[in-house]
Amino acid sequence: MGESKRRKRVLGEDYGKEERFISWLPLTKTQAEDAYNLTTRGAWIGIALLAFGWITIRFIGPTFGWWEVN
């Protein structure tokens, strides 16, 4: 119990608030983690779309005569 009271006294108004990711940036660690997860998911979606497009153009398109591959 003593450690908690000491920490509360030292931190003052900031006690119980989430720590910032970078001190000068108004972004908490949880928000930074959420942004990281969102961009990671977006990157994987982009990779999947790129692969789908490549397969379509390379294999499916010539089958239907859409594009000529020599």
PDB file of N, CA and C in Angstrom:
ATOM      1  N   MET A   1       0.812  -1.186   0.000  1.00  0.00           N
ATOM      2  CA  MET A   1       0.000   0.000   0.000  1.00  0.00           C
ATOM      3  C   MET A   1       0.860   1.256   0.000  1.00  0.00           C
ATOM      4  N   GLY A   2       1.981   1.227   0.628  1.00  0.00           N
ATOM      5  CA  GLY A   2       2.840   2.401   0.707  1.00  0.00           C
ATOM      6  C   GLY A   2       3.357   2.834  -0.650  1.00  0.00           C
ATOM      7  N   GLU A   3       3.714   1.872  -1.508  1.00  0.00           N
ATOM      8  CA  GLU A   3       4.236   2.191  -2.840  1.00  0.00           C
ATOM      9  C   GLU A   3       3.177   2.902  -3.678  1.00  0.00           C
ATOM     10  N   SER A   4       1.958   2.452  -3.605  1.00  0.00           N
ATOM     11  CA  SER A   4       0.875   3.062  -4.371  1.00  0.00           C
ATOM     12  C   SER A   4       0.647   4.506  -3.927  1.00  0.00           C
ATOM     13  N   LYS A   5       0.664   4.743  -2.629  1.00  0.00           N
ATOM     14  CA  LYS A   5       0.460   6.108  -2.125  1.00  0.00           C
ATOM     15  C   LYS A   5       1.621   7.005  -2.528  1.00  0.00           C
ATOM     16  N   ARG A   6       2.843   6.492  -2.493  1.00  0.00           N
ATOM     17  CA  ARG A   6       4.009   7.274  -2.887  1.00  0.00           C
ATOM     18  C   ARG A   6       3.917   7.641  -4.363  1.00  0.00           C
ATOM     19  N   ARG A   7       3.544   6.678  -5.189  1.00  0.00           N
ATOM     20  CA  ARG A   7       3.421   6.925  -6.619  1.00  0.00           C
ATOM     21  C   ARG A   7       2.330   7.961  -6.893  1.00  0.00           C
ATOM     22  N   LYS A   8       1.219   7.868  -6.173  1.00  0.00           N
ATOM     23  CA  LYS A   8       0.130   8.824  -6.347  1.00  0.00           C
ATOM     24  C   LYS A   8       0.582  10.227  -5.953  1.00  0.00           C
ATOM     25  N   ARG A   9       1.350  10.327  -4.893  1.00  0.00           N
ATOM     26  CA  ARG A   9       1.853  11.620  -4.437  1.00  0.00           C
ATOM     27  C   ARG A   9       2.848  12.208  -5.444  1.00  0.00           C
ATOM     28  N   VAL A  10       3.715  11.378  -6.005  1.00  0.00           N
ATOM     29  CA  VAL A  10       4.722  11.844  -6.945  1.00  0.00           C
ATOM     30  C   VAL A  10       4.089  12.270  -8.270  1.00  0.00           C
ATOM     31  N   LEU A  11       3.160  11.480  -8.773  1.00  0.00           N
ATOM     32  CA  LEU A  11       2.559  11.767 -10.075  1.00  0.00           C
ATOM     33  C   LEU A  11       1.517  12.885 -10.021  1.00  0.00           C
ATOM     34  N   GLY A  12       0.870  13.048  -8.907  1.00  0.00           N
ATOM     35  CA  GLY A  12      -0.134  14.104  -8.772  1.00  0.00           C
ATOM     36  C   GLY A  12      -1.314  13.881  -9.689  1.00  0.00           C
ATOM     37  N   GLU A  13      -1.613  14.865 -10.562  1.00  0.00           N
ATOM     38  CA  GLU A  13      -2.781  14.776 -11.450  1.00  0.00           C
ATOM     39  C   GLU A  13      -2.633  13.700 -12.516  1.00  0.00           C
ATOM     40  N   ASP A  14      -1.414  13.327 -12.838  1.00  0.00           N
ATOM     41  CA  ASP A  14      -1.194  12.318 -13.878  1.00  0.00           C
ATOM     42  C   ASP A  14      -1.389  10.890 -13.377  1.00  0.00           C
ATOM     43  N   TYR A  15      -1.654  10.708 -12.094  1.00  0.00           N
ATOM     44  CA  TYR A  15      -1.843   9.369 -11.535  1.00  0.00           C
ATOM     45  C   TYR A  15      -3.086   8.725 -12.145  1.00  0.00           C
ATOM     46  N   GLY A  16      -2.925   7.517 -12.649  1.00  0.00           N
ATOM     47  CA  GLY A  16      -4.033   6.764 -13.230  1.00  0.00           C
ATOM     48  C   GLY A  16      -4.228   7.019 -14.716  1.00  0.00           C
ATOM     49  N   LYS A  17      -3.552   8.020 -15.263  1.00  0.00           N
ATOM     50  CA  LYS A  17      -3.644   8.281 -16.695  1.00  0.00           C
ATOM     51  C   LYS A  17      -2.659   7.393 -17.429  1.00  0.00           C
ATOM     52  N   GLU A  18      -3.033   7.044 -18.654  1.00  0.00           N
ATOM     53  CA  GLU A  18      -2.169   6.176 -19.447  1.00  0.00           C
ATOM     54  C   GLU A  18      -0.941   6.947 -19.926  1.00  0.00           C
ATOM     55  N   GLU A  19       0.185   6.269 -19.951  1.00  0.00           N
ATOM     56  CA  GLU A  19       1.439   6.879 -20.360  1.00  0.00           C
ATOM     57  C   GLU A  19       1.437   7.139 -21.863  1.00  0.00           C
ATOM     58  N   ARG A  20       2.073   8.242 -22.255  1.00  0.00           N
ATOM     59  CA  ARG A  20       2.145   8.584 -23.675  1.00  0.00           C
ATOM     60  C   ARG A  20       3.240   7.780 -24.359  1.00  0.00           C
ATOM     61  N   PHE A  21       3.021   7.516 -25.643  1.00  0.00           N
ATOM     62  CA  PHE A  21       3.985   6.776 -26.450  1.00  0.00           C
ATOM     63  C   PHE A  21       5.255   7.596 -26.634  1.00  0.00           C
ATOM     64  N   ILE A  22       5.098   8.850 -27.035  1.00  0.00           N
ATOM     65  CA  ILE A  22       6.189   9.816 -27.141  1.00  0.00           C
ATOM     66  C   ILE A  22       5.729  11.033 -26.353  1.00  0.00           C
ATOM     67  N   SER A  23       6.596  11.577 -25.520  1.00  0.00           N
ATOM     68  CA  SER A  23       6.174  12.616 -24.587  1.00  0.00           C
ATOM     69  C   SER A  23       5.537  13.828 -25.266  1.00  0.00           C
ATOM     70  N   TRP A  24       6.035  14.252 -26.408  1.00  0.00           N
ATOM     71  CA  TRP A  24       5.510  15.446 -27.069  1.00  0.00           C
ATOM     72  C   TRP A  24       4.373  15.157 -28.035  1.00  0.00           C
ATOM     73  N   LEU A  25       4.044  13.881 -28.264  1.00  0.00           N
ATOM     74  CA  LEU A  25       2.982  13.496 -29.184  1.00  0.00           C
ATOM     75  C   LEU A  25       1.752  13.075 -28.385  1.00  0.00           C
ATOM     76  N   PRO A  26       0.577  13.664 -28.658  1.00  0.00           N
ATOM     77  CA  PRO A  26      -0.613  13.300 -27.878  1.00  0.00           C
ATOM     78  C   PRO A  26      -1.186  11.947 -28.303  1.00  0.00           C
ATOM     79  N   LEU A  27      -0.420  10.904 -28.061  1.00  0.00           N
ATOM     80  CA  LEU A  27      -0.790   9.554 -28.471  1.00  0.00           C
ATOM     81  C   LEU A  27      -0.399   8.603 -27.347  1.00  0.00           C
ATOM     82  N   THR A  28      -1.375   7.869 -26.828  1.00  0.00           N
ATOM     83  CA  THR A  28      -1.075   6.935 -25.745  1.00  0.00           C
ATOM     84  C   THR A  28      -0.529   5.633 -26.318  1.00  0.00           C
ATOM     85  N   LYS A  29      -0.004   4.805 -25.445  1.00  0.00           N
ATOM     86  CA  LYS A  29       0.565   3.532 -25.897  1.00  0.00           C
ATOM     87  C   LYS A  29      -0.509   2.639 -26.513  1.00  0.00           C
ATOM     88  N   THR A  30      -1.690   2.647 -25.966  1.00  0.00           N
ATOM     89  CA  THR A  30      -2.781   1.837 -26.520  1.00  0.00           C
ATOM     90  C   THR A  30      -3.170   2.332 -27.909  1.00  0.00           C
ATOM     91  N   GLN A  31      -3.240   3.641 -28.085  1.00  0.00           N
ATOM     92  CA  GLN A  31      -3.570   4.195 -29.397  1.00  0.00           C
ATOM     93  C   GLN A  31      -2.482   3.875 -30.419  1.00  0.00           C
ATOM     94  N   ALA A  32      -1.227   3.925 -29.998  1.00  0.00           N
ATOM     95  CA  ALA A  32      -0.122   3.594 -30.901  1.00  0.00           C
ATOM     96  C   ALA A  32      -0.191   2.125 -31.307  1.00  0.00           C
ATOM     97  N   GLU A  33      -0.525   1.263 -30.359  1.00  0.00           N
ATOM     98  CA  GLU A  33      -0.648  -0.164 -30.665  1.00  0.00           C
ATOM     99  C   GLU A  33      -1.814  -0.421 -31.624  1.00  0.00           C
ATOM    100  N   ASP A  34      -2.929   0.278 -31.426  1.00  0.00           N
ATOM    101  CA  ASP A  34      -4.079   0.136 -32.324  1.00  0.00           C
ATOM    102  C   ASP A  34      -3.731   0.601 -33.739  1.00  0.00           C
ATOM    103  N   ALA A  35      -2.991   1.712 -33.850  1.00  0.00           N
ATOM    104  CA  ALA A  35      -2.582   2.206 -35.164  1.00  0.00           C
ATOM    105  C   ALA A  35      -1.649   1.209 -35.841  1.00  0.00           C
ATOM    106  N   TYR A  36      -0.742   0.615 -35.068  1.00  0.00           N
ATOM    107  CA  TYR A  36       0.170  -0.397 -35.617  1.00  0.00           C
ATOM    108  C   TYR A  36      -0.616  -1.599 -36.143  1.00  0.00           C
ATOM    109  N   ASN A  37      -1.577  -2.065 -35.371  1.00  0.00           N
ATOM    110  CA  ASN A  37      -2.387  -3.213 -35.803  1.00  0.00           C
ATOM    111  C   ASN A  37      -3.193  -2.881 -37.056  1.00  0.00           C
ATOM    112  N   LEU A  38      -3.721  -1.657 -37.141  1.00  0.00           N
ATOM    113  CA  LEU A  38      -4.494  -1.249 -38.313  1.00  0.00           C
ATOM    114  C   LEU A  38      -3.618  -1.208 -39.564  1.00  0.00           C
ATOM    115  N   THR A  39      -2.426  -0.630 -39.459  1.00  0.00           N
ATOM    116  CA  THR A  39      -1.557  -0.552 -40.630  1.00  0.00           C
ATOM    117  C   THR A  39      -1.041  -1.925 -41.042  1.00  0.00           C
ATOM    118  N   THR A  40      -0.818  -2.805 -40.075  1.00  0.00           N
ATOM    119  CA  THR A  40      -0.384  -4.162 -40.397  1.00  0.00           C
ATOM    120  C   THR A  40      -1.485  -4.907 -41.150  1.00  0.00           C
ATOM    121  N   ARG A  41      -2.703  -4.777 -40.672  1.00  0.00           N
ATOM    122  CA  ARG A  41      -3.831  -5.425 -41.347  1.00  0.00           C
ATOM    123  C   ARG A  41      -3.995  -4.857 -42.756  1.00  0.00           C
ATOM    124  N   GLY A  42      -3.872  -3.546 -42.899  1.00  0.00           N
ATOM    125  CA  GLY A  42      -3.972  -2.917 -44.213  1.00  0.00           C
ATOM    126  C   GLY A  42      -2.897  -3.392 -45.170  1.00  0.00           C
ATOM    127  N   ALA A  43      -1.685  -3.586 -44.648  1.00  0.00           N
ATOM    128  CA  ALA A  43      -0.595  -4.084 -45.497  1.00  0.00           C
ATOM    129  C   ALA A  43      -0.897  -5.493 -46.002  1.00  0.00           C
ATOM    130  N   TRP A  44      -1.412  -6.348 -45.135  1.00  0.00           N
ATOM    131  CA  TRP A  44      -1.737  -7.711 -45.561  1.00  0.00           C
ATOM    132  C   TRP A  44      -2.878  -7.723 -46.576  1.00  0.00           C
ATOM    133  N   ILE A  45      -3.838  -6.828 -46.403  1.00  0.00           N
ATOM    134  CA  ILE A  45      -4.925  -6.725 -47.386  1.00  0.00           C
ATOM    135  C   ILE A  45      -4.358  -6.280 -48.730  1.00  0.00           C
ATOM    136  N   GLY A  46      -3.429  -5.321 -48.707  1.00  0.00           N
ATOM    137  CA  GLY A  46      -2.790  -4.870 -49.945  1.00  0.00           C
ATOM    138  C   GLY A  46      -2.002  -5.967 -50.625  1.00  0.00           C
ATOM    139  N   ILE A  47      -1.293  -6.772 -49.857  1.00  0.00           N
ATOM    140  CA  ILE A  47      -0.532  -7.890 -50.420  1.00  0.00           C
ATOM    141  C   ILE A  47      -1.479  -8.901 -51.065  1.00  0.00           C
ATOM    142  N   ALA A  48      -2.594  -9.186 -50.387  1.00  0.00           N
ATOM    143  CA  ALA A  48      -3.571 -10.135 -50.930  1.00  0.00           C
ATOM    144  C   ALA A  48      -4.181  -9.605 -52.230  1.00  0.00           C
ATOM    145  N   LEU A  49      -4.507  -8.309 -52.273  1.00  0.00           N
ATOM    146  CA  LEU A  49      -5.063  -7.728 -53.496  1.00  0.00           C
ATOM    147  C   LEU A  49      -4.043  -7.744 -54.635  1.00  0.00           C
ATOM    148  N   LEU A  50      -2.787  -7.482 -54.312  1.00  0.00           N
ATOM    149  CA  LEU A  50      -1.736  -7.531 -55.322  1.00  0.00           C
ATOM    150  C   LEU A  50      -1.601  -8.943 -55.894  1.00  0.00           C
ATOM    151  N   ALA A  51      -1.608  -9.945 -55.022  1.00  0.00           N
ATOM    152  CA  ALA A  51      -1.500 -11.337 -55.477  1.00  0.00           C
ATOM    153  C   ALA A  51      -2.713 -11.720 -56.327  1.00  0.00           C
ATOM    154  N   PHE A  52      -3.906 -11.319 -55.893  1.00  0.00           N
ATOM    155  CA  PHE A  52      -5.117 -11.613 -56.651  1.00  0.00           C
ATOM    156  C   PHE A  52      -5.069 -10.958 -58.029  1.00  0.00           C
ATOM    157  N   GLY A  53      -4.647  -9.713 -58.075  1.00  0.00           N
ATOM    158  CA  GLY A  53      -4.536  -9.021 -59.362  1.00  0.00           C
ATOM    159  C   GLY A  53      -3.516  -9.677 -60.271  1.00  0.00           C
ATOM    160  N   TRP A  54      -2.388 -10.068 -59.716  1.00  0.00           N
ATOM    161  CA  TRP A  54      -1.349 -10.716 -60.518  1.00  0.00           C
ATOM    162  C   TRP A  54      -1.850 -12.042 -61.087  1.00  0.00           C
ATOM    163  N   ILE A  55      -2.520 -12.837 -60.256  1.00  0.00           N
ATOM    164  CA  ILE A  55      -3.052 -14.125 -60.727  1.00  0.00           C
ATOM    165  C   ILE A  55      -4.092 -13.895 -61.820  1.00  0.00           C
ATOM    166  N   THR A  56      -4.940 -12.895 -61.632  1.00  0.00           N
ATOM    167  CA  THR A  56      -5.964 -12.595 -62.630  1.00  0.00           C
ATOM    168  C   THR A  56      -5.339 -12.203 -63.959  1.00  0.00           C
ATOM    169  N   ILE A  57      -4.384 -11.294 -63.922  1.00  0.00           N
ATOM    170  CA  ILE A  57      -3.771 -10.821 -65.159  1.00  0.00           C
ATOM    171  C   ILE A  57      -2.910 -11.896 -65.806  1.00  0.00           C
ATOM    172  N   ARG A  58      -2.179 -12.642 -65.016  1.00  0.00           N
ATOM    173  CA  ARG A  58      -1.215 -13.602 -65.562  1.00  0.00           C
ATOM    174  C   ARG A  58      -1.862 -14.895 -66.047  1.00  0.00           C
ATOM    175  N   PHE A  59      -2.832 -15.426 -65.307  1.00  0.00           N
ATOM    176  CA  PHE A  59      -3.386 -16.744 -65.633  1.00  0.00           C
ATOM    177  C   PHE A  59      -4.836 -16.704 -66.124  1.00  0.00           C
ATOM    178  N   ILE A  60      -5.696 -16.014 -65.434  1.00  0.00           N
ATOM    179  CA  ILE A  60      -7.119 -16.030 -65.780  1.00  0.00           C
ATOM    180  C   ILE A  60      -7.390 -15.195 -67.027  1.00  0.00           C
ATOM    181  N   GLY A  61      -6.758 -14.023 -67.136  1.00  0.00           N
ATOM    182  CA  GLY A  61      -6.972 -13.154 -68.294  1.00  0.00           C
ATOM    183  C   GLY A  61      -6.672 -13.821 -69.620  1.00  0.00           C
ATOM    184  N   PRO A  62      -5.495 -14.422 -69.790  1.00  0.00           N
ATOM    185  CA  PRO A  62      -5.200 -15.081 -71.076  1.00  0.00           C
ATOM    186  C   PRO A  62      -6.135 -16.248 -71.393  1.00  0.00           C
ATOM    187  N   THR A  63      -6.674 -16.895 -70.384  1.00  0.00           N
ATOM    188  CA  THR A  63      -7.599 -18.004 -70.609  1.00  0.00           C
ATOM    189  C   THR A  63      -8.838 -17.513 -71.349  1.00  0.00           C
ATOM    190  N   PHE A  64      -9.301 -16.339 -71.006  1.00  0.00           N
ATOM    191  CA  PHE A  64     -10.479 -15.779 -71.652  1.00  0.00           C
ATOM    192  C   PHE A  64     -10.117 -14.867 -72.828  1.00  0.00           C
ATOM    193  N   GLY A  65      -8.851 -14.749 -73.158  1.00  0.00           N
ATOM    194  CA  GLY A  65      -8.417 -13.945 -74.272  1.00  0.00           C
ATOM    195  C   GLY A  65      -8.405 -12.452 -73.981  1.00  0.00           C
ATOM    196  N   TRP A  66      -8.367 -12.064 -72.712  1.00  0.00           N
ATOM    197  CA  TRP A  66      -8.384 -10.649 -72.365  1.00  0.00           C
ATOM    198  C   TRP A  66      -7.073  -9.988 -72.705  1.00  0.00           C
ATOM    199  N   TRP A  67      -5.969 -10.673 -72.414  1.00  0.00           N
ATOM    200  CA  TRP A  67      -4.655 -10.109 -72.662  1.00  0.00           C
ATOM    201  C   TRP A  67      -3.834 -11.148 -73.407  1.00  0.00           C
ATOM    202  N   GLU A  68      -3.072 -10.689 -74.324  1.00  0.00           N
ATOM    203  CA  GLU A  68      -2.191 -11.597 -75.071  1.00  0.00           C
ATOM    204  C   GLU A  68      -0.853 -11.697 -74.356  1.00  0.00           C
ATOM    205  N   VAL A  69      -0.420 -12.904 -74.090  1.00  0.00           N
ATOM    206  CA  VAL A  69       0.887 -13.138 -73.478  1.00  0.00           C
ATOM    207  C   VAL A  69       1.716 -13.915 -74.484  1.00  0.00           C
ATOM    208  N   ASN A  70       2.830 -13.358 -74.904  1.00  0.00           N
ATOM    209  CA  ASN A  70       3.665 -14.019 -75.899  1.00  0.00           C
ATOM    210  C   ASN A  70       4.710 -14.876 -75.241  1.00  0.00           C
TER     211      ASN A  70
END
